[in-house]
């Protein structure tokens, strides 16, 4: 989901008018709106569409503490650090046609005020952080992804628990 389809043009107009404050504020608001929409959609999935938490009544503190059933992890974040998994989402959902969002060469979403991820409705699902990965783990992952070791090391560089060989 995105809140930024027309954002780049509007931000550029503010900057052309030397109004950096409004440009920064608009970008911040668009980012927050995209995140808020993702949270709202997650709530509707829990309560309406999948209905596994139809009677859920959470206040803001409960939402911040993630006291709901299920999770909404996203590629590139701690629970799934591989940004390239966004490509599967884009292919399955035909994201460019459905939303106008695209992926850059480095797998960043464009426009920037965009959110993607998966919903898992299992009551026992919880967020976790992938720790430092060993060469053996990266090597196995590379095989499963059809990558070279160097490609896997490049995409997962922030999570490596070792220094790659040059």
Protein backbone atom coordinates (compact mmCIF):
# COMPACT_ATOMS: atom_id res chain seq x y z
CA UNK A 1 0.00 0.00 0.00
CA UNK A 2 1.18 3.50 -0.68
CA UNK A 3 0.39 7.04 0.28
CA UNK A 4 2.87 8.53 -2.11
CA UNK A 5 1.83 8.25 -5.76
CA UNK A 6 1.80 12.01 -6.28
CA UNK A 7 4.22 12.73 -3.44
CA UNK A 8 7.45 13.15 -5.47
CA UNK A 9 5.91 15.91 -7.63
CA UNK A 10 4.47 17.74 -4.64
CA UNK A 11 7.75 17.48 -2.67
CA UNK A 12 9.66 18.74 -5.72
CA UNK A 13 7.28 21.71 -5.98
CA UNK A 14 7.88 22.59 -2.31
CA UNK A 15 11.64 22.33 -2.81
CA UNK A 16 11.48 24.46 -5.96
CA UNK A 17 9.76 27.10 -3.81
CA UNK A 18 12.59 26.72 -1.23
CA UNK A 19 10.07 25.35 1.25
CA UNK A 20 12.07 22.46 2.66
CA UNK A 21 9.97 22.41 5.83
CA UNK A 22 6.78 21.60 3.93
CA UNK A 23 8.62 19.03 1.79
CA UNK A 24 9.93 17.22 4.88
CA UNK A 25 6.59 17.47 6.65
CA UNK A 26 4.69 16.09 3.64
CA UNK A 27 7.09 13.16 3.29
CA UNK A 28 6.75 12.40 7.02
CA UNK A 29 2.96 12.58 6.89
CA UNK A 30 2.84 10.30 3.84
CA UNK A 31 5.07 7.74 5.58
CA UNK A 32 2.86 7.79 8.69
CA UNK A 33 -0.29 7.53 6.56
CA UNK A 34 1.04 4.45 4.74
CA UNK A 35 1.92 2.81 8.07
CA UNK A 36 -1.44 3.76 9.59
CA UNK A 37 -3.26 2.28 6.61
CA UNK A 38 -1.28 -0.96 6.98
CA UNK A 39 -2.25 -1.11 10.67
CA UNK A 40 -5.90 -0.44 9.85
CA UNK A 41 -5.95 -3.10 7.16
CA UNK A 42 -4.34 -5.55 9.57
CA UNK A 43 -7.09 -4.79 12.08
CA UNK A 44 -9.76 -5.38 9.43
CA UNK A 45 -8.12 -8.67 8.46
CA UNK A 46 -8.18 -9.81 12.09
CA UNK A 47 -11.71 -8.61 12.82
CA UNK A 48 -13.59 -8.79 9.51
CA UNK A 49 -11.98 -10.48 6.52
CA UNK A 50 -10.43 -13.50 8.24
CA UNK A 51 -12.45 -12.88 11.37
CA UNK A 52 -10.25 -14.81 13.77
CA UNK A 53 -10.37 -11.91 16.25
CA UNK A 54 -13.88 -10.61 15.58
CA UNK A 55 -14.39 -9.48 19.20
CA UNK A 56 -11.00 -7.77 19.49
CA UNK A 57 -11.09 -4.46 21.36
CA UNK A 58 -7.61 -3.03 21.72
CA UNK A 59 -6.67 0.44 22.80
CA UNK A 60 -3.64 2.29 21.45
CA UNK A 61 -1.36 0.95 24.20
CA UNK A 62 -2.41 -2.61 23.32
CA UNK A 63 -1.68 -2.00 19.64
CA UNK A 64 1.74 -0.56 20.39
CA UNK A 65 2.47 -3.56 22.63
CA UNK A 66 1.30 -5.83 19.77
CA UNK A 67 -1.27 -7.62 21.95
CA UNK A 68 -3.21 -8.80 18.92
CA UNK A 69 -3.25 -12.27 17.42
CA UNK A 70 -1.09 -12.72 14.34
CA UNK A 71 1.74 -10.68 12.88
CA UNK A 72 2.47 -8.46 9.88
CA UNK A 73 6.16 -8.97 9.02
CA UNK A 74 7.72 -7.20 6.06
CA UNK A 75 10.66 -8.05 3.81
CA UNK A 76 13.72 -6.04 4.77
CA UNK A 77 12.80 -5.77 8.43
CA UNK A 78 14.36 -7.77 11.29
CA UNK A 79 12.09 -10.85 11.05
CA UNK A 80 12.75 -11.25 7.31
CA UNK A 81 15.84 -9.27 6.32
CA UNK A 82 15.91 -10.36 2.66
CA UNK A 83 14.55 -7.42 0.66
CA UNK A 84 14.39 -9.57 -2.49
CA UNK A 85 11.35 -11.37 -1.10
CA UNK A 86 9.40 -8.28 -2.14
CA UNK A 87 9.77 -9.53 -5.72
CA UNK A 88 7.53 -12.51 -4.89
CA UNK A 89 4.86 -10.18 -3.52
CA UNK A 90 5.11 -7.95 -6.59
CA UNK A 91 4.75 -10.94 -8.90
CA UNK A 92 1.90 -12.66 -7.01
CA UNK A 93 -0.16 -9.49 -6.61
CA UNK A 94 0.85 -7.64 -9.80
CA UNK A 95 1.63 -4.70 -7.55
CA UNK A 96 2.58 -2.16 -10.26
CA UNK A 97 -0.74 -2.61 -12.04
CA UNK A 98 -2.82 -2.75 -8.85
CA UNK A 99 -1.13 0.09 -6.95
CA UNK A 100 1.34 1.99 -9.12
CA UNK A 101 4.16 0.98 -6.75
CA UNK A 102 7.43 -0.31 -8.17
CA UNK A 103 10.70 -1.70 -6.85
CA UNK A 104 14.07 -0.11 -7.42
CA UNK A 105 17.15 -2.12 -8.36
CA UNK A 106 18.01 -2.33 -4.66
CA UNK A 107 14.46 -3.51 -3.82
CA UNK A 108 13.35 -0.24 -2.24
CA UNK A 109 9.68 0.50 -2.80
CA UNK A 110 8.78 3.48 -4.96
CA UNK A 111 7.19 5.79 -4.06
CA UNK A 112 8.94 5.87 -0.71
CA UNK A 113 5.77 6.26 1.38
CA UNK A 114 4.85 2.63 0.74
CA UNK A 115 4.41 -0.49 2.86
CA UNK A 116 4.42 -4.19 2.01
CA UNK A 117 4.38 -7.42 3.97
CA UNK A 118 2.56 -10.58 4.84
CA UNK A 119 -0.22 -11.31 7.29
CA UNK A 120 -0.01 -14.39 9.50
CA UNK A 121 -3.14 -15.06 11.52
CA UNK A 122 -1.86 -17.86 13.75
CA UNK A 123 -2.54 -16.97 17.40
CA UNK A 124 0.93 -18.14 18.42
CA UNK A 125 2.76 -16.18 15.68
CA UNK A 126 5.16 -13.62 17.09
CA UNK A 127 7.80 -11.27 15.80
CA UNK A 128 11.44 -12.21 16.13
CA UNK A 129 14.77 -10.84 15.05
CA UNK A 130 17.12 -12.77 12.82
CA UNK A 131 20.51 -12.65 14.52
CA UNK A 132 23.93 -12.78 12.96
CA UNK A 133 24.12 -15.40 10.22
CA UNK A 134 27.04 -17.77 9.75
CA UNK A 135 28.69 -18.57 6.43
CA UNK A 136 27.06 -22.03 6.50
CA UNK A 137 23.59 -20.46 6.82
CA UNK A 138 24.25 -17.96 4.04
CA UNK A 139 25.66 -20.71 1.84
CA UNK A 140 22.55 -22.87 2.32
CA UNK A 141 20.28 -19.88 1.75
CA UNK A 142 22.12 -19.03 -1.46
CA UNK A 143 21.52 -22.56 -2.76
CA UNK A 144 17.78 -22.34 -2.00
CA UNK A 145 17.51 -18.92 -3.68
CA UNK A 146 19.59 -19.99 -6.69
CA UNK A 147 22.22 -17.35 -5.89
CA UNK A 148 25.96 -17.35 -5.63
CA UNK A 149 27.41 -17.00 -2.15
CA UNK A 150 28.50 -13.45 -3.06
CA UNK A 151 24.92 -12.50 -4.04
CA UNK A 152 23.53 -13.84 -0.76
CA UNK A 153 26.23 -12.01 1.19
CA UNK A 154 25.44 -8.76 -0.64
CA UNK A 155 21.68 -8.94 -0.01
CA UNK A 156 22.05 -10.03 3.62
CA UNK A 157 25.16 -7.98 4.47
CA UNK A 158 23.66 -6.31 7.58
CA UNK A 159 22.98 -9.75 9.10
CA UNK A 160 26.32 -11.41 8.42
CA UNK A 161 28.17 -12.72 11.46
CA UNK A 162 31.43 -12.92 9.53
CA UNK A 163 33.50 -10.93 7.05
CA UNK A 164 32.93 -12.12 3.46
CA UNK A 165 35.96 -13.12 1.45
CA UNK A 166 36.78 -10.71 -1.36
